[in-house]
Amino acid sequence: MRIEKKIWPEFFQKVLDGEKTYELRLADFPCKAGDVLVLREWDPATKAYTGRVLEKKVTYVGKTKNQTFWSKEDVEKHGFQIIAFT
């Protein structure tokens, strides 16, 4: 499946440069390994697409909703972070 999403310029460039190798997204759409994520650069200042597009093959999708590893208080204090690695 091909999944098209907007991505802001600062993040688009990091993906393009190979520095950013993940996406954090609301899990409001189906996505699985093998899908193609089509990232269309969107400029929030102009509220328009820039015309730049990247396609990335999805290799892993991790979802969480009701995590039980950390307390609600710790999550509210620190939030979550995603750590990408190779």
PDB file of N, CA and C in Angstrom:
ATOM      1  N   MET A   1       0.844  -1.170   0.000  1.00  0.00           N
ATOM      2  CA  MET A   1       0.000   0.000   0.000  1.00  0.00           C
ATOM      3  C   MET A   1       0.896   1.242   0.000  1.00  0.00           C
ATOM      4  N   ARG A   2       0.439   2.289  -0.681  1.00  0.00           N
ATOM      5  CA  ARG A   2       1.124   3.581  -0.689  1.00  0.00           C
ATOM      6  C   ARG A   2       0.379   4.518   0.249  1.00  0.00           C
ATOM      7  N   ILE A   3       1.115   5.148   1.147  1.00  0.00           N
ATOM      8  CA  ILE A   3       0.531   6.045   2.135  1.00  0.00           C
ATOM      9  C   ILE A   3       1.156   7.422   1.938  1.00  0.00           C
ATOM     10  N   GLU A   4       0.344   8.412   1.634  1.00  0.00           N
ATOM     11  CA  GLU A   4       0.846   9.767   1.400  1.00  0.00           C
ATOM     12  C   GLU A   4       0.612  10.637   2.624  1.00  0.00           C
ATOM     13  N   LYS A   5       1.674  11.337   3.051  1.00  0.00           N
ATOM     14  CA  LYS A   5       1.609  12.204   4.222  1.00  0.00           C
ATOM     15  C   LYS A   5       2.377  13.492   3.974  1.00  0.00           C
ATOM     16  N   LYS A   6       1.920  14.555   4.615  1.00  0.00           N
ATOM     17  CA  LYS A   6       2.639  15.818   4.602  1.00  0.00           C
ATOM     18  C   LYS A   6       3.822  15.725   5.558  1.00  0.00           C
ATOM     19  N   ILE A   7       4.877  16.482   5.249  1.00  0.00           N
ATOM     20  CA  ILE A   7       6.014  16.579   6.152  1.00  0.00           C
ATOM     21  C   ILE A   7       6.587  17.985   6.027  1.00  0.00           C
ATOM     22  N   TRP A   8       6.871  18.617   7.145  1.00  0.00           N
ATOM     23  CA  TRP A   8       7.383  19.989   7.145  1.00  0.00           C
ATOM     24  C   TRP A   8       8.809  20.019   6.604  1.00  0.00           C
ATOM     25  N   PRO A   9       9.214  21.150   6.026  1.00  0.00           N
ATOM     26  CA  PRO A   9      10.527  21.272   5.372  1.00  0.00           C
ATOM     27  C   PRO A   9      11.719  20.862   6.229  1.00  0.00           C
ATOM     28  N   GLU A  10      11.748  21.261   7.502  1.00  0.00           N
ATOM     29  CA  GLU A  10      12.898  20.926   8.348  1.00  0.00           C
ATOM     30  C   GLU A  10      13.058  19.417   8.517  1.00  0.00           C
ATOM     31  N   PHE A  11      11.950  18.701   8.595  1.00  0.00           N
ATOM     32  CA  PHE A  11      12.006  17.248   8.747  1.00  0.00           C
ATOM     33  C   PHE A  11      12.237  16.564   7.409  1.00  0.00           C
ATOM     34  N   PHE A  12      11.655  17.100   6.347  1.00  0.00           N
ATOM     35  CA  PHE A  12      11.877  16.565   5.008  1.00  0.00           C
ATOM     36  C   PHE A  12      13.369  16.552   4.699  1.00  0.00           C
ATOM     37  N   GLN A  13      14.043  17.664   4.976  1.00  0.00           N
ATOM     38  CA  GLN A  13      15.462  17.766   4.667  1.00  0.00           C
ATOM     39  C   GLN A  13      16.282  16.758   5.470  1.00  0.00           C
ATOM     40  N   LYS A  14      15.914  16.547   6.729  1.00  0.00           N
ATOM     41  CA  LYS A  14      16.639  15.571   7.562  1.00  0.00           C
ATOM     42  C   LYS A  14      16.458  14.152   7.030  1.00  0.00           C
ATOM     43  N   VAL A  15      15.259  13.830   6.531  1.00  0.00           N
ATOM     44  CA  VAL A  15      15.031  12.519   5.915  1.00  0.00           C
ATOM     45  C   VAL A  15      15.846  12.425   4.628  1.00  0.00           C
ATOM     46  N   LEU A  16      15.801  13.469   3.823  1.00  0.00           N
ATOM     47  CA  LEU A  16      16.536  13.500   2.561  1.00  0.00           C
ATOM     48  C   LEU A  16      18.036  13.307   2.786  1.00  0.00           C
ATOM     49  N   ASP A  17      18.568  13.941   3.838  1.00  0.00           N
ATOM     50  CA  ASP A  17      19.990  13.844   4.156  1.00  0.00           C
ATOM     51  C   ASP A  17      20.379  12.523   4.822  1.00  0.00           C
ATOM     52  N   GLY A  18      19.377  11.704   5.190  1.00  0.00           N
ATOM     53  CA  GLY A  18      19.646  10.428   5.841  1.00  0.00           C
ATOM     54  C   GLY A  18      19.847  10.546   7.339  1.00  0.00           C
ATOM     55  N   GLU A  19      19.655  11.722   7.884  1.00  0.00           N
ATOM     56  CA  GLU A  19      19.827  11.965   9.323  1.00  0.00           C
ATOM     57  C   GLU A  19      18.628  11.451  10.127  1.00  0.00           C
ATOM     58  N   LYS A  20      17.439  11.567   9.556  1.00  0.00           N
ATOM     59  CA  LYS A  20      16.203  11.144  10.222  1.00  0.00           C
ATOM     60  C   LYS A  20      15.699   9.891   9.517  1.00  0.00           C
ATOM     61  N   THR A  21      15.601   8.798  10.262  1.00  0.00           N
ATOM     62  CA  THR A  21      15.226   7.512   9.673  1.00  0.00           C
ATOM     63  C   THR A  21      13.969   6.924  10.329  1.00  0.00           C
ATOM     64  N   TYR A  22      13.067   7.800  10.741  1.00  0.00           N
ATOM     65  CA  TYR A  22      11.834   7.369  11.390  1.00  0.00           C
ATOM     66  C   TYR A  22      10.773   8.440  11.193  1.00  0.00           C
ATOM     67  N   GLU A  23       9.540   8.111  11.473  1.00  0.00           N
ATOM     68  CA  GLU A  23       8.448   9.071  11.522  1.00  0.00           C
ATOM     69  C   GLU A  23       7.627   8.779  12.761  1.00  0.00           C
ATOM     70  N   LEU A  24       7.224   9.810  13.456  1.00  0.00           N
ATOM     71  CA  LEU A  24       6.291   9.700  14.567  1.00  0.00           C
ATOM     72  C   LEU A  24       4.967  10.223  14.052  1.00  0.00           C
ATOM     73  N   ARG A  25       3.966   9.387  14.012  1.00  0.00           N
ATOM     74  CA  ARG A  25       2.660   9.753  13.471  1.00  0.00           C
ATOM     75  C   ARG A  25       1.553   9.234  14.370  1.00  0.00           C
ATOM     76  N   LEU A  26       0.447   9.943  14.384  1.00  0.00           N
ATOM     77  CA  LEU A  26      -0.756   9.455  15.019  1.00  0.00           C
ATOM     78  C   LEU A  26      -1.173   8.190  14.278  1.00  0.00           C
ATOM     79  N   ALA A  27      -1.533   7.164  15.017  1.00  0.00           N
ATOM     80  CA  ALA A  27      -1.875   5.872  14.393  1.00  0.00           C
ATOM     81  C   ALA A  27      -3.331   5.866  13.930  1.00  0.00           C
ATOM     82  N   ASP A  28      -3.695   6.856  13.112  1.00  0.00           N
ATOM     83  CA  ASP A  28      -5.075   6.970  12.640  1.00  0.00           C
ATOM     84  C   ASP A  28      -5.246   6.459  11.214  1.00  0.00           C
ATOM     85  N   PHE A  29      -4.272   5.675  10.747  1.00  0.00           N
ATOM     86  CA  PHE A  29      -4.338   5.068   9.423  1.00  0.00           C
ATOM     87  C   PHE A  29      -3.597   3.740   9.473  1.00  0.00           C
ATOM     88  N   PRO A  30      -3.967   2.783   8.628  1.00  0.00           N
ATOM     89  CA  PRO A  30      -3.256   1.506   8.625  1.00  0.00           C
ATOM     90  C   PRO A  30      -1.868   1.668   8.000  1.00  0.00           C
ATOM     91  N   CYS A  31      -0.907   0.974   8.555  1.00  0.00           N
ATOM     92  CA  CYS A  31       0.468   1.013   8.053  1.00  0.00           C
ATOM     93  C   CYS A  31       1.172  -0.251   8.525  1.00  0.00           C
ATOM     94  N   LYS A  32       1.920  -0.881   7.618  1.00  0.00           N
ATOM     95  CA  LYS A  32       2.638  -2.102   7.994  1.00  0.00           C
ATOM     96  C   LYS A  32       3.937  -2.192   7.207  1.00  0.00           C
ATOM     97  N   ALA A  33       4.819  -3.040   7.673  1.00  0.00           N
ATOM     98  CA  ALA A  33       6.076  -3.260   6.973  1.00  0.00           C
ATOM     99  C   ALA A  33       5.780  -3.666   5.530  1.00  0.00           C
ATOM    100  N   GLY A  34       6.546  -3.090   4.612  1.00  0.00           N
ATOM    101  CA  GLY A  34       6.353  -3.358   3.198  1.00  0.00           C
ATOM    102  C   GLY A  34       5.582  -2.259   2.478  1.00  0.00           C
ATOM    103  N   ASP A  35       4.835  -1.452   3.226  1.00  0.00           N
ATOM    104  CA  ASP A  35       4.132  -0.325   2.628  1.00  0.00           C
ATOM    105  C   ASP A  35       5.149   0.725   2.174  1.00  0.00           C
ATOM    106  N   VAL A  36       4.711   1.642   1.342  1.00  0.00           N
ATOM    107  CA  VAL A  36       5.556   2.746   0.901  1.00  0.00           C
ATOM    108  C   VAL A  36       4.988   4.036   1.474  1.00  0.00           C
ATOM    109  N   LEU A  37       5.821   4.741   2.222  1.00  0.00           N
ATOM    110  CA  LEU A  37       5.435   6.022   2.797  1.00  0.00           C
ATOM    111  C   LEU A  37       5.900   7.122   1.846  1.00  0.00           C
ATOM    112  N   VAL A  38       4.941   7.839   1.294  1.00  0.00           N
ATOM    113  CA  VAL A  38       5.217   8.938   0.367  1.00  0.00           C
ATOM    114  C   VAL A  38       5.158  10.227   1.177  1.00  0.00           C
ATOM    115  N   LEU A  39       6.301  10.864   1.342  1.00  0.00           N
ATOM    116  CA  LEU A  39       6.390  12.088   2.130  1.00  0.00           C
ATOM    117  C   LEU A  39       6.428  13.288   1.187  1.00  0.00           C
ATOM    118  N   ARG A  40       5.402  14.118   1.282  1.00  0.00           N
ATOM    119  CA  ARG A  40       5.298  15.312   0.439  1.00  0.00           C
ATOM    120  C   ARG A  40       5.602  16.531   1.308  1.00  0.00           C
ATOM    121  N   GLU A  41       6.635  17.263   0.914  1.00  0.00           N
ATOM    122  CA  GLU A  41       7.043  18.430   1.698  1.00  0.00           C
ATOM    123  C   GLU A  41       5.933  19.486   1.674  1.00  0.00           C
ATOM    124  N   TRP A  42       5.552  19.938   2.868  1.00  0.00           N
ATOM    125  CA  TRP A  42       4.471  20.904   3.047  1.00  0.00           C
ATOM    126  C   TRP A  42       5.020  22.083   3.836  1.00  0.00           C
ATOM    127  N   ASP A  43       4.861  23.274   3.307  1.00  0.00           N
ATOM    128  CA  ASP A  43       5.335  24.470   3.988  1.00  0.00           C
ATOM    129  C   ASP A  43       4.186  25.060   4.800  1.00  0.00           C
ATOM    130  N   PRO A  44       4.260  25.005   6.137  1.00  0.00           N
ATOM    131  CA  PRO A  44       3.150  25.515   6.952  1.00  0.00           C
ATOM    132  C   PRO A  44       2.996  27.038   6.859  1.00  0.00           C
ATOM    133  N   ALA A  45       4.062  27.738   6.482  1.00  0.00           N
ATOM    134  CA  ALA A  45       3.985  29.197   6.358  1.00  0.00           C
ATOM    135  C   ALA A  45       3.134  29.596   5.153  1.00  0.00           C
ATOM    136  N   THR A  46       3.299  28.878   4.041  1.00  0.00           N
ATOM    137  CA  THR A  46       2.544  29.197   2.831  1.00  0.00           C
ATOM    138  C   THR A  46       1.298  28.336   2.680  1.00  0.00           C
ATOM    139  N   LYS A  47       1.207  27.306   3.522  1.00  0.00           N
ATOM    140  CA  LYS A  47       0.100  26.342   3.458  1.00  0.00           C
ATOM    141  C   LYS A  47      -0.006  25.723   2.058  1.00  0.00           C
ATOM    142  N   ALA A  48       1.182  25.314   1.558  1.00  0.00           N
ATOM    143  CA  ALA A  48       1.222  24.727   0.213  1.00  0.00           C
ATOM    144  C   ALA A  48       2.336  23.693   0.129  1.00  0.00           C
ATOM    145  N   TYR A  49       2.169  22.747  -0.778  1.00  0.00           N
ATOM    146  CA  TYR A  49       3.222  21.780  -1.054  1.00  0.00           C
ATOM    147  C   TYR A  49       4.354  22.469  -1.800  1.00  0.00           C
ATOM    148  N   THR A  50       5.580  22.039  -1.543  1.00  0.00           N
ATOM    149  CA  THR A  50       6.743  22.631  -2.216  1.00  0.00           C
ATOM    150  C   THR A  50       7.055  21.937  -3.541  1.00  0.00           C
ATOM    151  N   GLY A  51       6.544  20.735  -3.709  1.00  0.00           N
ATOM    152  CA  GLY A  51       6.819  19.960  -4.913  1.00  0.00           C
ATOM    153  C   GLY A  51       7.848  18.855  -4.677  1.00  0.00           C
ATOM    154  N   ARG A  52       8.551  18.921  -3.533  1.00  0.00           N
ATOM    155  CA  ARG A  52       9.529  17.864  -3.253  1.00  0.00           C
ATOM    156  C   ARG A  52       8.816  16.671  -2.622  1.00  0.00           C
ATOM    157  N   VAL A  53       9.217  15.474  -3.048  1.00  0.00           N
ATOM    158  CA  VAL A  53       8.577  14.233  -2.597  1.00  0.00           C
ATOM    159  C   VAL A  53       9.647  13.179  -2.356  1.00  0.00           C
ATOM    160  N   LEU A  54       9.486  12.426  -1.290  1.00  0.00           N
ATOM    161  CA  LEU A  54      10.342  11.276  -0.996  1.00  0.00           C
ATOM    162  C   LEU A  54       9.464  10.049  -0.837  1.00  0.00           C
ATOM    163  N   GLU A  55       9.974   8.892  -1.249  1.00  0.00           N
ATOM    164  CA  GLU A  55       9.289   7.624  -1.018  1.00  0.00           C
ATOM    165  C   GLU A  55      10.202   6.739  -0.197  1.00  0.00           C
ATOM    166  N   LYS A  56       9.678   6.205   0.909  1.00  0.00           N
ATOM    167  CA  LYS A  56      10.445   5.346   1.806  1.00  0.00           C
ATOM    168  C   LYS A  56       9.679   4.056   2.062  1.00  0.00           C
ATOM    169  N   LYS A  57      10.377   2.942   1.971  1.00  0.00           N
ATOM    170  CA  LYS A  57       9.759   1.657   2.276  1.00  0.00           C
ATOM    171  C   LYS A  57       9.692   1.485   3.790  1.00  0.00           C
ATOM    172  N   VAL A  58       8.515   1.140   4.286  1.00  0.00           N
ATOM    173  CA  VAL A  58       8.312   0.927   5.715  1.00  0.00           C
ATOM    174  C   VAL A  58       8.931  -0.421   6.095  1.00  0.00           C
ATOM    175  N   THR A  59       9.814  -0.408   7.089  1.00  0.00           N
ATOM    176  CA  THR A  59      10.458  -1.647   7.535  1.00  0.00           C
ATOM    177  C   THR A  59       9.942  -2.119   8.891  1.00  0.00           C
ATOM    178  N   TYR A  60       9.381  -1.198   9.687  1.00  0.00           N
ATOM    179  CA  TYR A  60       8.884  -1.572  11.009  1.00  0.00           C
ATOM    180  C   TYR A  60       7.855  -0.537  11.448  1.00  0.00           C
ATOM    181  N   VAL A  61       6.780  -1.006  12.078  1.00  0.00           N
ATOM    182  CA  VAL A  61       5.780  -0.121  12.666  1.00  0.00           C
ATOM    183  C   VAL A  61       5.563  -0.563  14.100  1.00  0.00           C
ATOM    184  N   GLY A  62       5.838   0.303  15.037  1.00  0.00           N
ATOM    185  CA  GLY A  62       5.574   0.043  16.448  1.00  0.00           C
ATOM    186  C   GLY A  62       4.424   0.932  16.886  1.00  0.00           C
ATOM    187  N   LYS A  63       3.425   0.353  17.502  1.00  0.00           N
ATOM    188  CA  LYS A  63       2.268   1.128  17.951  1.00  0.00           C
ATOM    189  C   LYS A  63       2.103   0.965  19.447  1.00  0.00           C
ATOM    190  N   THR A  64       1.648   2.008  20.073  1.00  0.00           N
ATOM    191  CA  THR A  64       1.344   1.934  21.493  1.00  0.00           C
ATOM    192  C   THR A  64       0.154   2.824  21.796  1.00  0.00           C
ATOM    193  N   LYS A  65      -0.634   2.399  22.712  1.00  0.00           N
ATOM    194  CA  LYS A  65      -1.780   3.196  23.129  1.00  0.00           C
ATOM    195  C   LYS A  65      -1.847   3.214  24.647  1.00  0.00           C
ATOM    196  N   ASN A  66      -1.865   2.058  25.196  1.00  0.00           N
ATOM    197  CA  ASN A  66      -1.952   1.942  26.651  1.00  0.00           C
ATOM    198  C   ASN A  66      -0.673   1.320  27.193  1.00  0.00           C
ATOM    199  N   GLN A  67       0.424   2.048  27.086  1.00  0.00           N
ATOM    200  CA  GLN A  67       1.700   1.538  27.567  1.00  0.00           C
ATOM    201  C   GLN A  67       1.642   1.377  29.082  1.00  0.00           C
ATOM    202  N   THR A  68       2.362   0.391  29.582  1.00  0.00           N
ATOM    203  CA  THR A  68       2.381   0.150  31.031  1.00  0.00           C
ATOM    204  C   THR A  68       3.800   0.132  31.594  1.00  0.00           C
ATOM    205  N   PHE A  69       4.770   0.555  30.770  1.00  0.00           N
ATOM    206  CA  PHE A  69       6.152   0.545  31.228  1.00  0.00           C
ATOM    207  C   PHE A  69       6.434   1.663  32.224  1.00  0.00           C
ATOM    208  N   TRP A  70       5.818   2.800  32.023  1.00  0.00           N
ATOM    209  CA  TRP A  70       6.096   3.965  32.848  1.00  0.00           C
ATOM    210  C   TRP A  70       4.806   4.486  33.461  1.00  0.00           C
ATOM    211  N   SER A  71       4.932   5.180  34.573  1.00  0.00           N
ATOM    212  CA  SER A  71       3.752   5.736  35.230  1.00  0.00           C
ATOM    213  C   SER A  71       3.218   6.921  34.424  1.00  0.00           C
ATOM    214  N   LYS A  72       1.951   7.220  34.595  1.00  0.00           N
ATOM    215  CA  LYS A  72       1.333   8.356  33.920  1.00  0.00           C
ATOM    216  C   LYS A  72       2.051   9.648  34.296  1.00  0.00           C
ATOM    217  N   GLU A  73       2.450   9.741  35.554  1.00  0.00           N
ATOM    218  CA  GLU A  73       3.144  10.937  36.025  1.00  0.00           C
ATOM    219  C   GLU A  73       4.482  11.120  35.308  1.00  0.00           C
ATOM    220  N   ASP A  74       5.243  10.035  35.143  1.00  0.00           N
ATOM    221  CA  ASP A  74       6.526  10.121  34.442  1.00  0.00           C
ATOM    222  C   ASP A  74       6.331  10.496  32.977  1.00  0.00           C
ATOM    223  N   VAL A  75       5.295   9.932  32.350  1.00  0.00           N
ATOM    224  CA  VAL A  75       5.021  10.255  30.952  1.00  0.00           C
ATOM    225  C   VAL A  75       4.648  11.731  30.820  1.00  0.00           C
ATOM    226  N   GLU A  76       3.805  12.223  31.725  1.00  0.00           N
ATOM    227  CA  GLU A  76       3.422  13.637  31.684  1.00  0.00           C
ATOM    228  C   GLU A  76       4.617  14.550  31.948  1.00  0.00           C
ATOM    229  N   LYS A  77       5.528  14.126  32.803  1.00  0.00           N
ATOM    230  CA  LYS A  77       6.702  14.941  33.138  1.00  0.00           C
ATOM    231  C   LYS A  77       7.721  14.951  32.001  1.00  0.00           C
ATOM    232  N   HIS A  78       7.988  13.768  31.419  1.00  0.00           N
ATOM    233  CA  HIS A  78       9.096  13.642  30.450  1.00  0.00           C
ATOM    234  C   HIS A  78       8.649  13.487  29.006  1.00  0.00           C
ATOM    235  N   GLY A  79       7.433  12.948  28.777  1.00  0.00           N
ATOM    236  CA  GLY A  79       6.991  12.656  27.414  1.00  0.00           C
ATOM    237  C   GLY A  79       7.683  11.417  26.872  1.00  0.00           C
ATOM    238  N   PHE A  80       7.499  11.173  25.598  1.00  0.00           N
ATOM    239  CA  PHE A  80       8.112  10.039  24.925  1.00  0.00           C
ATOM    240  C   PHE A  80       9.193  10.542  23.984  1.00  0.00           C
ATOM    241  N   GLN A  81      10.112   9.680  23.641  1.00  0.00           N
ATOM    242  CA  GLN A  81      11.047   9.953  22.565  1.00  0.00           C
ATOM    243  C   GLN A  81      11.192   8.681  21.753  1.00  0.00           C
ATOM    244  N   ILE A  82      11.448   8.859  20.475  1.00  0.00           N
ATOM    245  CA  ILE A  82      11.716   7.724  19.609  1.00  0.00           C
ATOM    246  C   ILE A  82      13.206   7.734  19.327  1.00  0.00           C
ATOM    247  N   ILE A  83      13.838   6.606  19.474  1.00  0.00           N
ATOM    248  CA  ILE A  83      15.271   6.494  19.213  1.00  0.00           C
ATOM    249  C   ILE A  83      15.459   5.603  18.007  1.00  0.00           C
ATOM    250  N   ALA A  84      16.017   6.158  16.972  1.00  0.00           N
ATOM    251  CA  ALA A  84      16.293   5.377  15.762  1.00  0.00           C
ATOM    252  C   ALA A  84      17.736   4.888  15.812  1.00  0.00           C
ATOM    253  N   PHE A  85      17.988   3.735  15.270  1.00  0.00           N
ATOM    254  CA  PHE A  85      19.349   3.206  15.254  1.00  0.00           C
ATOM    255  C   PHE A  85      19.556   2.332  14.043  1.00  0.00           C
ATOM    256  N   THR A  86      20.825   2.113  13.706  1.00  0.00           N
ATOM    257  CA  THR A  86      21.158   1.247  12.576  1.00  0.00           C
ATOM    258  C   THR A  86      22.061   0.135  13.054  1.00  0.00           C
TER     259      THR A  86
END
